[in-house]
Protein backbone atom coordinates (compact mmCIF):
# COMPACT_ATOMS: atom_id res chain seq x y z
CA MET A 1 69.97 79.53 55.69
CA ASP A 2 69.77 82.72 53.62
CA TYR A 3 67.05 84.03 55.93
CA LEU A 4 69.19 83.38 58.98
CA PHE A 5 72.34 84.83 57.41
CA SER A 6 70.50 87.96 56.27
CA GLY A 7 69.01 88.44 59.75
CA PHE A 8 72.44 88.02 61.31
CA LYS A 9 73.95 90.71 59.05
CA GLN A 10 71.12 93.14 59.74
CA ALA A 11 71.38 92.48 63.48
CA CYS A 12 75.12 93.24 63.46
CA ALA A 13 74.47 96.41 61.44
CA LEU A 14 71.88 97.59 63.97
CA ILE A 15 74.27 97.02 66.86
CA LEU A 16 77.25 98.68 65.19
CA SER A 17 75.16 101.68 64.17
CA LEU A 18 74.14 102.20 67.81
CA ASP A 19 70.47 102.16 66.90
CA SER A 20 68.59 104.44 69.32
CA GLU A 21 65.76 101.95 69.81
CA ILE A 22 68.18 99.21 70.83
CA ILE A 23 70.09 101.53 73.19
CA THR A 24 66.87 102.66 74.90
CA ILE A 25 65.61 99.10 75.36
CA THR A 26 68.99 97.94 76.68
CA LEU A 27 69.29 100.78 79.19
CA ILE A 28 65.75 100.18 80.48
CA SER A 29 66.46 96.49 80.91
CA LEU A 30 69.76 97.08 82.73
CA LYS A 31 68.28 99.79 84.96
CA ILE A 32 65.31 97.72 86.11
CA SER A 33 67.28 94.51 86.68
CA THR A 34 70.15 96.29 88.45
CA ILE A 35 67.81 98.03 90.90
CA ALA A 36 65.96 94.76 91.54
CA ILE A 37 69.15 92.80 92.17
CA LEU A 38 70.54 95.48 94.50
CA PHE A 39 67.42 95.47 96.68
CA SER A 40 67.30 91.67 96.61
CA SER A 41 70.98 91.35 97.58
CA ILE A 42 70.62 93.74 100.52
CA ILE A 43 67.90 91.50 101.97
CA SER A 44 68.88 88.06 100.68
CA VAL A 45 72.56 87.87 101.69
CA PRO A 46 72.00 88.69 105.40
CA LEU A 47 68.93 86.44 105.48
CA GLY A 48 70.78 83.55 103.86
CA PHE A 49 73.70 84.06 106.24
CA ILE A 50 71.44 83.96 109.31
CA ILE A 51 69.73 80.79 108.11
CA GLY A 52 73.04 79.19 107.10
CA VAL A 53 75.00 79.67 110.33
CA ASN A 54 72.19 78.93 112.77
CA SER A 55 70.47 75.68 113.66
CA PHE A 56 66.75 75.72 114.35
CA ARG A 57 63.72 73.48 114.05
CA GLY A 58 62.37 73.36 110.51
CA LYS A 59 65.57 74.59 108.87
CA SER A 60 65.54 71.76 106.32
CA ILE A 61 61.95 72.63 105.42
CA VAL A 62 62.89 76.29 104.91
CA ILE A 63 65.80 75.29 102.64
CA THR A 64 63.54 72.93 100.67
CA ILE A 65 60.99 75.71 100.15
CA LEU A 66 63.73 78.11 99.00
CA ASN A 67 65.12 75.54 96.57
CA THR A 68 61.60 75.07 95.18
CA LEU A 69 61.10 78.82 94.80
CA MET A 70 64.30 79.03 92.74
CA ALA A 71 62.25 77.57 89.90
CA PHE A 72 59.22 79.82 90.55
CA PRO A 73 57.53 80.36 87.14
CA THR A 74 57.83 83.99 86.07
CA VAL A 75 54.22 84.15 84.89
CA VAL A 76 53.02 83.02 88.32
CA VAL A 77 55.09 85.77 89.94
CA GLY A 78 53.61 88.22 87.45
CA LEU A 79 50.11 87.02 88.26
CA LEU A 80 50.62 87.36 92.03
CA VAL A 81 52.13 90.84 91.80
CA TYR A 82 49.49 91.87 89.25
CA SER A 83 46.77 90.93 91.74
CA MET A 84 48.42 93.20 94.30
CA VAL A 85 49.14 96.27 92.14
CA SER A 86 46.15 96.21 89.77
CA HIS A 87 43.49 98.88 90.23
CA GLN A 88 41.36 96.49 92.30
CA GLY A 89 44.31 95.20 94.37
CA PRO A 90 45.42 96.47 97.78
CA LEU A 91 48.26 98.49 96.20
CA GLY A 92 46.13 99.75 93.33
CA PRO A 93 45.94 103.37 94.59
CA LEU A 94 49.73 103.63 94.24
CA GLY A 95 49.46 103.34 90.46
CA LEU A 96 52.28 100.83 90.12
CA LEU A 97 50.79 98.69 87.34
CA PHE A 98 52.54 99.03 83.97
CA THR A 99 55.46 100.93 85.49
CA PRO A 100 59.14 100.05 86.02
CA SER A 101 58.42 99.84 89.76
CA ALA A 102 56.04 96.91 89.24
CA MET A 103 58.65 95.16 87.11
CA ILE A 104 61.27 95.71 89.82
CA ILE A 105 58.95 94.12 92.39
CA GLY A 106 58.45 91.08 90.18
CA GLN A 107 62.16 90.67 89.49
CA PHE A 108 62.95 91.17 93.17
CA ILE A 109 60.67 88.26 94.06
CA LEU A 110 62.30 86.07 91.40
CA ALA A 111 65.88 86.83 92.47
CA THR A 112 65.47 86.66 96.25
CA PRO A 113 65.04 82.87 96.77
CA ILE A 114 67.98 82.20 94.45
CA ILE A 115 70.36 84.48 96.34
CA VAL A 116 69.12 83.32 99.75
CA ALA A 117 69.49 79.62 98.87
CA LEU A 118 72.95 80.05 97.35
CA THR A 119 74.07 82.20 100.30
CA ILE A 120 72.98 79.45 102.68
CA SER A 121 74.99 76.94 100.65
CA ALA A 122 78.02 79.27 100.61
CA THR A 123 78.03 79.91 104.36
CA GLN A 124 77.48 76.24 105.22
CA GLY A 125 80.43 75.32 103.03
CA ILE A 126 82.87 77.46 105.03
CA ASP A 127 85.25 75.62 107.35
CA PRO A 128 83.82 75.85 110.93
CA ARG A 129 87.33 76.66 112.14
CA VAL A 130 87.04 80.13 110.57
CA ARG A 131 84.38 81.16 113.07
CA LYS A 132 86.11 79.43 115.99
CA THR A 133 89.42 81.11 115.16
CA ALA A 134 87.77 84.52 114.99
CA VAL A 135 86.15 83.98 118.39
CA VAL A 136 89.45 82.83 119.91
CA LEU A 137 91.09 86.00 118.60
CA GLY A 138 88.50 88.07 120.47
CA ALA A 139 85.94 88.73 117.73
CA ASN A 140 82.34 89.32 118.74
CA ALA A 141 79.36 87.76 116.95
CA PHE A 142 79.22 90.49 114.32
CA GLN A 143 82.94 90.37 113.58
CA SER A 144 82.97 86.59 113.32
CA GLY A 145 80.03 86.82 110.93
CA VAL A 146 81.95 89.30 108.78
CA ALA A 147 84.90 86.88 108.74
CA ILE A 148 82.66 84.11 107.43
CA LEU A 149 81.17 86.39 104.76
CA LEU A 150 84.64 87.48 103.63
CA GLU A 151 85.69 83.85 103.38
CA ALA A 152 82.62 83.11 101.24
CA ARG A 153 82.79 86.33 99.21
CA PHE A 154 83.34 84.69 95.82
CA ALA A 155 80.46 82.29 96.34
CA LEU A 156 78.27 85.22 97.42
CA ILE A 157 79.18 87.18 94.30
CA ALA A 158 78.32 84.11 92.24
CA ALA A 159 74.95 83.95 94.02
CA VAL A 160 74.18 87.56 93.08
CA VAL A 161 75.30 86.93 89.50
CA ALA A 162 73.02 83.89 89.32
CA GLY A 163 70.11 86.00 90.55
CA PHE A 164 70.86 88.71 87.99
CA GLY A 165 71.07 86.12 85.22
CA ARG A 166 67.65 84.83 86.25
CA ILE A 167 65.91 88.21 86.05
CA ILE A 168 67.68 89.91 83.14
CA GLY A 169 66.25 87.38 80.71
CA GLU A 170 62.80 86.76 82.19
CA VAL A 171 59.82 87.79 80.09
CA GLY A 172 56.69 86.55 81.86
CA SER A 173 56.38 88.93 84.80
CA SER A 174 57.90 91.85 82.85
CA MET A 175 55.24 91.55 80.16
CA MET A 176 52.40 91.27 82.67
CA LEU A 177 53.56 94.00 85.03
CA GLY A 178 55.24 96.42 82.66
CA GLY A 179 52.91 96.23 79.70
CA ASN A 180 55.81 96.44 77.21
CA ILE A 181 55.40 100.22 76.78
CA ARG A 182 57.89 101.65 74.30
CA GLY A 183 60.53 103.85 75.91
CA PHE A 184 59.17 103.19 79.39
CA THR A 185 58.87 99.52 80.32
CA ARG A 186 59.98 97.70 77.17
CA ASN A 187 63.08 95.73 78.14
CA ILE A 188 65.20 93.30 76.12
CA PRO A 189 63.17 90.07 76.66
CA THR A 190 59.77 91.68 76.04
CA ALA A 191 61.13 93.52 73.00
CA ILE A 192 62.49 90.26 71.56
CA ALA A 193 59.09 88.59 71.99
CA LEU A 194 57.29 91.55 70.40
CA GLU A 195 59.63 92.14 67.47
CA THR A 196 59.87 88.46 66.59
CA SER A 197 56.07 88.16 66.56
CA LYS A 198 55.97 91.18 64.21
CA GLY A 199 58.46 89.54 61.85
CA GLU A 200 61.31 91.90 62.82
CA PHE A 201 63.74 89.02 63.13
CA SER A 202 66.89 91.13 62.78
CA LEU A 203 65.95 93.48 65.64
CA GLY A 204 65.04 90.55 67.88
CA LEU A 205 68.32 88.85 67.00
CA ALA A 206 70.30 92.02 67.74
CA LEU A 207 68.69 92.28 71.18
CA GLY A 208 69.40 88.59 71.75
CA PHE A 209 73.08 89.20 71.01
CA ILE A 210 73.12 92.07 73.50
CA LEU A 211 71.46 89.91 76.17
CA LEU A 212 74.06 87.19 75.65
CA SER A 213 76.83 89.80 75.73
CA VAL A 214 75.60 91.13 79.07
CA ALA A 215 75.57 87.62 80.54
CA LEU A 216 79.04 86.91 79.13
CA GLY A 217 80.42 90.20 80.46
CA ILE A 218 79.11 89.52 83.95
CA ASN A 219 80.66 86.06 84.02
CA PHE A 220 84.01 87.40 82.79
CA PHE A 221 83.86 89.99 85.58
CA LEU A 222 83.17 87.24 88.14
CA ARG A 223 86.10 85.25 86.77
CA PHE A 224 88.31 88.33 87.05
CA LEU A 225 87.35 88.83 90.71
CA GLN A 226 88.03 85.18 91.49
CA ARG A 227 91.53 85.42 90.04
CA LYS A 228 92.21 88.53 92.11
């Protein structure tokens, strides 16, 4: 217990002192995950909406595949992207390996099936009368689609938050694609793994607190929007 209590005190001291190492790691982590979730949302929400509101052959199979991909192991994603961006891969000449760009690609792949699947669920859960009412009032296909999205806005925000929560704490693909380079690609999860293995328990614990705080802050923000 003394070991744990001592680590907790040192972790709090590091956070309160605004340790430069912790700030750098946190900013890198937030930057990479925010860019990844933005790109994923731009593609995933419209795609999930299109799948959700339309009926076509094989739709259930598509949804099953998406639900399966929601649990896609991060190391497998890292391996697949690594094979593409490594020096011998088709994207090797771009020099993406061990850069934030490679990490963004990996996190994008992880977040996309989650947001698509939850967007499908959100749009399918909307009362069909919303679309019919919009059409009766003279709305075209685009306007009726916007009406459905507005009706499902809180569920869509929750989908994006779920995707962000998935990627902000993943370590497998980030370690493989980013290389854990100090001041460049070292984010919160990879730093926790590294510092804990080195015996720097207090630093790892401090970063863990920050990661939990980010997740808590995002969920409070979602709750605030829902109340509004």
